[in-house]
C-alpha atoms as a PDB file:
ATOM      1  CA  MET A   1       8.658   5.726   8.492  1.00  0.00           C
ATOM      2  CA  SER A   2       8.478   2.347   6.804  1.00  0.00           C
ATOM      3  CA  LEU A   3      10.890   1.137   4.148  1.00  0.00           C
ATOM      4  CA  THR A   4       8.134   1.378   1.531  1.00  0.00           C
ATOM      5  CA  GLN A   5       7.377   4.975   2.478  1.00  0.00           C
ATOM      6  CA  ARG A   6      11.056   5.976   2.378  1.00  0.00           C
ATOM      7  CA  LEU A   7      11.590   4.325  -1.008  1.00  0.00           C
ATOM      8  CA  ILE A   8       8.536   5.871  -2.652  1.00  0.00           C
ATOM      9  CA  LEU A   9       9.158   9.317  -1.182  1.00  0.00           C
ATOM     10  CA  ARG A  10      12.719   9.312  -2.555  1.00  0.00           C
ATOM     11  CA  LEU A  11      11.485   8.546  -6.063  1.00  0.00           C
ATOM     12  CA  VAL A  12       8.805  11.226  -6.366  1.00  0.00           C
ATOM     13  CA  PRO A  13       9.103  15.041  -6.382  1.00  0.00           C
ATOM     14  CA  ARG A  14       9.007  16.772  -2.992  1.00  0.00           C
ATOM     15  CA  SER A  15       5.604  18.347  -3.605  1.00  0.00           C
ATOM     16  CA  TRP A  16       4.130  14.903  -4.327  1.00  0.00           C
ATOM     17  CA  ALA A  17       5.785  13.465  -1.221  1.00  0.00           C
ATOM     18  CA  ARG A  18       4.202  16.143   0.978  1.00  0.00           C
ATOM     19  CA  ALA A  19       0.814  15.567  -0.656  1.00  0.00           C
ATOM     20  CA  MET A  20       1.126  11.779  -0.185  1.00  0.00           C
ATOM     21  CA  GLU A  21       1.893  12.127   3.499  1.00  0.00           C
ATOM     22  CA  ALA A  22      -0.902  14.643   4.111  1.00  0.00           C
ATOM     23  CA  ASP A  23      -3.446  12.526   2.251  1.00  0.00           C
ATOM     24  CA  SER A  24      -2.328   9.268   3.888  1.00  0.00           C
ATOM     25  CA  ARG A  25      -2.671  10.823   7.356  1.00  0.00           C
ATOM     26  CA  ARG A  26      -6.363  11.466   6.606  1.00  0.00           C
ATOM     27  CA  TRP A  27      -7.024   7.753   5.982  1.00  0.00           C
ATOM     28  CA  ILE A  28      -7.975   6.247   9.346  1.00  0.00           C
ATOM     29  CA  VAL A  29      -7.766   2.544  10.248  1.00  0.00           C
ATOM     30  CA  ARG A  30     -10.505   1.775  12.794  1.00  0.00           C
ATOM     31  CA  CYS A  31     -10.843  -1.382  14.907  1.00  0.00           C
ATOM     32  CA  PRO A  32     -14.307  -2.599  15.984  1.00  0.00           C
ATOM     33  CA  CYS A  33     -13.244  -1.782  19.587  1.00  0.00           C
ATOM     34  CA  GLY A  34     -13.013   1.896  18.588  1.00  0.00           C
ATOM     35  CA  HIS A  35      -9.219   2.293  18.371  1.00  0.00           C
ATOM     36  CA  GLU A  36      -8.151   4.567  15.494  1.00  0.00           C
ATOM     37  CA  GLN A  37      -4.782   5.144  13.849  1.00  0.00           C
ATOM     38  CA  SER A  38      -3.775   6.876  10.631  1.00  0.00           C
ATOM     39  CA  LEU A  39      -2.662   4.705   7.754  1.00  0.00           C
ATOM     40  CA  TRP A  40       0.541   6.762   7.493  1.00  0.00           C
ATOM     41  CA  ASP A  41       1.449   5.944  11.110  1.00  0.00           C
ATOM     42  CA  LEU A  42       1.019   2.250  10.276  1.00  0.00           C
ATOM     43  CA  GLY A  43       3.535   2.557   7.429  1.00  0.00           C
ATOM     44  CA  GLY A  44       1.093   2.749   4.553  1.00  0.00           C
ATOM     45  CA  ILE A  45       0.459   5.156   1.708  1.00  0.00           C
ATOM     46  CA  ARG A  46      -2.943   5.851   0.222  1.00  0.00           C
ATOM     47  CA  TRP A  47      -2.878   8.815  -2.146  1.00  0.00           C
ATOM     48  CA  LYS A  48      -5.620  10.095  -4.447  1.00  0.00           C
ATOM     49  CA  ALA A  49      -7.723   7.086  -3.479  1.00  0.00           C
ATOM     50  CA  THR A  50     -11.490   6.791  -3.212  1.00  0.00           C
ATOM     51  CA  GLY A  51     -13.856   4.463  -1.413  1.00  0.00           C
ATOM     52  CA  SER A  52     -13.198   2.539   1.749  1.00  0.00           C
ATOM     53  CA  SER A  53     -11.228  -0.614   2.342  1.00  0.00           C
ATOM     54  CA  ARG A  54     -10.488  -3.155   5.057  1.00  0.00           C
ATOM     55  CA  MET A  55      -7.397  -4.829   6.438  1.00  0.00           C
ATOM     56  CA  PHE A  56      -7.082  -7.854   8.705  1.00  0.00           C
ATOM     57  CA  ARG A  57      -4.708  -7.061  11.546  1.00  0.00           C
ATOM     58  CA  ARG A  58      -4.186  -7.188  15.286  1.00  0.00           C
ATOM     59  CA  CYS A  59      -5.356  -4.170  17.241  1.00  0.00           C
ATOM     60  CA  PRO A  60      -2.681  -2.670  19.513  1.00  0.00           C
ATOM     61  CA  ARG A  61      -5.315  -1.701  22.090  1.00  0.00           C
ATOM     62  CA  CYS A  62      -7.584  -4.761  22.428  1.00  0.00           C
ATOM     63  CA  GLY A  63      -5.142  -7.353  21.031  1.00  0.00           C
ATOM     64  CA  GLN A  64      -7.794  -9.032  18.876  1.00  0.00           C
ATOM     65  CA  ARG A  65      -7.344  -9.854  15.206  1.00  0.00           C
ATOM     66  CA  ALA A  66     -10.202  -8.379  13.214  1.00  0.00           C
ATOM     67  CA  TRP A  67     -11.137  -6.765   9.927  1.00  0.00           C
ATOM     68  CA  GLN A  68     -10.466  -3.080  10.439  1.00  0.00           C
ATOM     69  CA  THR A  69     -12.023  -0.478   8.172  1.00  0.00           C
ATOM     70  CA  ILE A  70     -10.019   2.184   6.374  1.00  0.00           C
ATOM     71  CA  THR A  71     -12.018   5.367   5.856  1.00  0.00           C
ATOM     72  CA  TYR A  72     -11.213   8.899   4.776  1.00  0.00           C
ATOM     73  CA  ARG A  73     -11.570  11.695   7.321  1.00  0.00           C
ATOM     74  CA  ALA A  74     -11.971  15.041   5.611  1.00  0.00           C
ATOM     75  CA  ALA A  75      -9.940  17.884   7.099  1.00  0.00           C
END
């Protein structure tokens, strides 16, 4: 768990913390090579968000820096 996640989760009620983690695990960061990872596992929080986003980062599988899409995967 990242420092940001620990700090935010300490400041909010437990029910919100559980909801934040569950929701953040549904947001998937996908590299053009096909590698997928949840935003929560990367140390991020995205709660009650809509739409899709992108982030520029290095892929742990292919090693290339690229714009990776962040999309919501419904349960």
